[in-house]
Amino acid sequence: MASLPSVSGARAVKTFQKAGWVKDRQHGSHVILIKPGHPASLSVPQHRELAPGTLRALIRASGMSVDQFVDLL
C-alpha cells in the first residue's frame, strides 16, 4: 500500500478528473466534482495542502484506493 502523498486541492482535482470525475461547479473555495453513474459527489477544498484525513476521505468516497490515486498522480 502506498503512503498518502501531500497534495494541493488543485492537484487533487486534476487527479480525480483523470479518473473520470467532472467539475460540476465551484462553491466558494470548494470544487464540486461529479461522476456519471456514481451516487456521491466530491467536495474538494482548494487549499495549498490537503489534510491527510480529508484526502483519504475523498479517495474513499470516490471508490478508489490510495494506490490507484497515487498511480494517477
N, C-alpha and C. Protein backbone atom coordinates (compact mmCIF):
# COMPACT_ATOMS: atom_id res chain seq x y z
N MET A 1 0.84 -1.18 0.00
CA MET A 1 0.00 0.00 0.00
C MET A 1 0.88 1.23 0.00
N ALA A 2 0.60 2.16 -0.90
CA ALA A 2 1.37 3.39 -1.00
C ALA A 2 1.01 4.33 0.14
N SER A 3 2.00 5.11 0.57
CA SER A 3 1.71 6.07 1.61
C SER A 3 0.93 7.24 1.00
N LEU A 4 0.19 7.91 1.85
CA LEU A 4 -0.64 9.02 1.38
C LEU A 4 0.25 10.22 1.06
N PRO A 5 0.21 10.72 -0.18
CA PRO A 5 1.07 11.84 -0.54
C PRO A 5 0.50 13.16 -0.03
N SER A 6 1.33 14.17 -0.03
CA SER A 6 0.90 15.52 0.31
C SER A 6 0.57 16.23 -1.00
N VAL A 7 -0.70 16.58 -1.19
CA VAL A 7 -1.11 17.22 -2.45
C VAL A 7 -1.96 18.45 -2.16
N SER A 8 -1.99 19.35 -3.12
CA SER A 8 -2.83 20.54 -3.01
C SER A 8 -4.23 20.20 -3.50
N GLY A 9 -5.17 21.07 -3.23
CA GLY A 9 -6.53 20.87 -3.70
C GLY A 9 -6.61 20.85 -5.21
N ALA A 10 -5.86 21.74 -5.86
CA ALA A 10 -5.88 21.80 -7.33
C ALA A 10 -5.33 20.52 -7.94
N ARG A 11 -4.27 19.99 -7.35
CA ARG A 11 -3.69 18.75 -7.88
C ARG A 11 -4.62 17.57 -7.65
N ALA A 12 -5.31 17.57 -6.52
CA ALA A 12 -6.28 16.50 -6.24
C ALA A 12 -7.41 16.54 -7.27
N VAL A 13 -7.89 17.74 -7.61
CA VAL A 13 -8.96 17.87 -8.60
C VAL A 13 -8.49 17.31 -9.94
N LYS A 14 -7.28 17.65 -10.37
CA LYS A 14 -6.75 17.15 -11.65
C LYS A 14 -6.63 15.63 -11.63
N THR A 15 -6.24 15.07 -10.50
CA THR A 15 -6.10 13.62 -10.39
C THR A 15 -7.46 12.94 -10.46
N PHE A 16 -8.45 13.49 -9.77
CA PHE A 16 -9.79 12.91 -9.84
C PHE A 16 -10.37 13.05 -11.25
N GLN A 17 -10.04 14.13 -11.95
CA GLN A 17 -10.52 14.29 -13.32
C GLN A 17 -9.92 13.22 -14.24
N LYS A 18 -8.69 12.81 -13.98
CA LYS A 18 -8.09 11.72 -14.75
C LYS A 18 -8.85 10.42 -14.55
N ALA A 19 -9.48 10.28 -13.38
CA ALA A 19 -10.23 9.07 -13.05
C ALA A 19 -11.68 9.15 -13.53
N GLY A 20 -12.04 10.20 -14.26
CA GLY A 20 -13.38 10.28 -14.83
C GLY A 20 -14.33 11.24 -14.12
N TRP A 21 -13.88 11.92 -13.08
CA TRP A 21 -14.73 12.88 -12.38
C TRP A 21 -14.73 14.19 -13.17
N VAL A 22 -15.85 14.91 -13.13
CA VAL A 22 -16.01 16.13 -13.91
C VAL A 22 -16.35 17.29 -12.96
N LYS A 23 -15.74 18.44 -13.21
CA LYS A 23 -16.03 19.61 -12.39
C LYS A 23 -17.46 20.07 -12.67
N ASP A 24 -18.29 20.04 -11.64
CA ASP A 24 -19.69 20.44 -11.79
C ASP A 24 -19.83 21.93 -11.52
N ARG A 25 -19.26 22.38 -10.42
CA ARG A 25 -19.37 23.78 -10.04
C ARG A 25 -18.33 24.08 -8.96
N GLN A 26 -18.23 25.36 -8.62
CA GLN A 26 -17.36 25.75 -7.51
C GLN A 26 -18.19 26.60 -6.57
N HIS A 27 -18.15 26.25 -5.29
CA HIS A 27 -18.88 26.99 -4.27
C HIS A 27 -17.86 27.53 -3.28
N GLY A 28 -17.54 28.81 -3.39
CA GLY A 28 -16.50 29.39 -2.54
C GLY A 28 -15.16 28.78 -2.86
N SER A 29 -14.51 28.21 -1.85
CA SER A 29 -13.19 27.63 -2.06
C SER A 29 -13.26 26.12 -2.26
N HIS A 30 -14.43 25.58 -2.56
CA HIS A 30 -14.59 24.14 -2.76
C HIS A 30 -15.05 23.85 -4.19
N VAL A 31 -14.34 22.94 -4.84
CA VAL A 31 -14.71 22.48 -6.18
C VAL A 31 -15.55 21.22 -6.00
N ILE A 32 -16.72 21.20 -6.64
CA ILE A 32 -17.62 20.06 -6.55
C ILE A 32 -17.44 19.21 -7.81
N LEU A 33 -17.08 17.94 -7.62
CA LEU A 33 -16.87 17.02 -8.73
C LEU A 33 -17.98 15.97 -8.73
N ILE A 34 -18.43 15.61 -9.93
CA ILE A 34 -19.42 14.54 -10.07
C ILE A 34 -18.91 13.53 -11.08
N LYS A 35 -19.47 12.33 -11.02
CA LYS A 35 -19.11 11.28 -11.96
C LYS A 35 -20.39 10.59 -12.39
N PRO A 36 -20.66 10.53 -13.67
CA PRO A 36 -21.88 9.87 -14.13
C PRO A 36 -21.94 8.42 -13.64
N GLY A 37 -23.08 8.04 -13.08
CA GLY A 37 -23.25 6.69 -12.58
C GLY A 37 -22.76 6.49 -11.16
N HIS A 38 -22.21 7.52 -10.55
CA HIS A 38 -21.71 7.42 -9.17
C HIS A 38 -22.65 8.22 -8.28
N PRO A 39 -23.14 7.62 -7.20
CA PRO A 39 -24.15 8.31 -6.38
C PRO A 39 -23.63 9.51 -5.59
N ALA A 40 -22.35 9.56 -5.29
CA ALA A 40 -21.81 10.64 -4.45
C ALA A 40 -21.16 11.72 -5.31
N SER A 41 -20.96 12.87 -4.71
CA SER A 41 -20.16 13.92 -5.33
C SER A 41 -18.99 14.20 -4.38
N LEU A 42 -17.95 14.80 -4.92
CA LEU A 42 -16.76 15.11 -4.12
C LEU A 42 -16.66 16.63 -3.97
N SER A 43 -16.40 17.08 -2.77
CA SER A 43 -16.21 18.50 -2.49
C SER A 43 -14.76 18.69 -2.07
N VAL A 44 -13.95 19.18 -2.99
CA VAL A 44 -12.50 19.29 -2.76
C VAL A 44 -12.14 20.73 -2.39
N PRO A 45 -11.64 20.95 -1.17
CA PRO A 45 -11.22 22.31 -0.79
C PRO A 45 -9.97 22.72 -1.54
N GLN A 46 -9.91 23.96 -1.93
CA GLN A 46 -8.77 24.46 -2.70
C GLN A 46 -7.70 25.04 -1.76
N HIS A 47 -7.10 24.16 -0.96
CA HIS A 47 -6.04 24.55 -0.04
C HIS A 47 -4.69 24.24 -0.65
N ARG A 48 -3.64 24.88 -0.13
CA ARG A 48 -2.29 24.59 -0.62
C ARG A 48 -1.89 23.16 -0.33
N GLU A 49 -2.35 22.64 0.81
CA GLU A 49 -2.07 21.25 1.16
C GLU A 49 -3.30 20.69 1.86
N LEU A 50 -3.82 19.57 1.34
CA LEU A 50 -4.98 18.94 1.95
C LEU A 50 -4.55 18.14 3.17
N ALA A 51 -5.37 18.18 4.20
CA ALA A 51 -5.10 17.38 5.39
C ALA A 51 -5.19 15.90 5.02
N PRO A 52 -4.36 15.05 5.61
CA PRO A 52 -4.37 13.63 5.26
C PRO A 52 -5.74 12.97 5.42
N GLY A 53 -6.46 13.31 6.47
CA GLY A 53 -7.78 12.73 6.69
C GLY A 53 -8.78 13.16 5.63
N THR A 54 -8.68 14.42 5.22
CA THR A 54 -9.57 14.93 4.17
C THR A 54 -9.29 14.23 2.85
N LEU A 55 -8.01 14.11 2.50
CA LEU A 55 -7.65 13.45 1.25
C LEU A 55 -8.08 11.98 1.26
N ARG A 56 -7.85 11.30 2.38
CA ARG A 56 -8.22 9.88 2.48
C ARG A 56 -9.75 9.72 2.36
N ALA A 57 -10.51 10.63 2.95
CA ALA A 57 -11.97 10.57 2.86
C ALA A 57 -12.44 10.81 1.41
N LEU A 58 -11.79 11.72 0.71
CA LEU A 58 -12.14 11.98 -0.69
C LEU A 58 -11.84 10.76 -1.56
N ILE A 59 -10.69 10.15 -1.33
CA ILE A 59 -10.31 8.96 -2.10
C ILE A 59 -11.30 7.84 -1.84
N ARG A 60 -11.67 7.64 -0.59
CA ARG A 60 -12.63 6.58 -0.22
C ARG A 60 -13.99 6.86 -0.86
N ALA A 61 -14.44 8.12 -0.82
CA ALA A 61 -15.74 8.48 -1.40
C ALA A 61 -15.75 8.30 -2.91
N SER A 62 -14.59 8.42 -3.54
CA SER A 62 -14.52 8.28 -4.99
C SER A 62 -14.55 6.82 -5.44
N GLY A 63 -14.35 5.91 -4.48
CA GLY A 63 -14.35 4.49 -4.83
C GLY A 63 -12.98 3.97 -5.23
N MET A 64 -11.97 4.80 -5.11
CA MET A 64 -10.61 4.38 -5.46
C MET A 64 -9.85 3.97 -4.21
N SER A 65 -8.74 3.31 -4.41
CA SER A 65 -7.82 3.02 -3.31
C SER A 65 -6.71 4.07 -3.35
N VAL A 66 -5.95 4.16 -2.27
CA VAL A 66 -4.82 5.09 -2.22
C VAL A 66 -3.83 4.75 -3.32
N ASP A 67 -3.60 3.47 -3.57
CA ASP A 67 -2.67 3.04 -4.63
C ASP A 67 -3.13 3.55 -5.99
N GLN A 68 -4.41 3.42 -6.28
CA GLN A 68 -4.94 3.88 -7.57
C GLN A 68 -4.77 5.40 -7.70
N PHE A 69 -5.04 6.12 -6.62
CA PHE A 69 -4.91 7.57 -6.63
C PHE A 69 -3.45 7.97 -6.88
N VAL A 70 -2.52 7.33 -6.18
CA VAL A 70 -1.10 7.64 -6.34
C VAL A 70 -0.63 7.34 -7.76
N ASP A 71 -1.13 6.25 -8.34
CA ASP A 71 -0.75 5.92 -9.72
C ASP A 71 -1.19 7.00 -10.70
N LEU A 72 -2.34 7.64 -10.43
CA LEU A 72 -2.84 8.69 -11.32
C LEU A 72 -2.13 10.03 -11.13
N LEU A 73 -1.46 10.20 -9.98
CA LEU A 73 -0.71 11.44 -9.75
C LEU A 73 0.41 11.51 -10.76
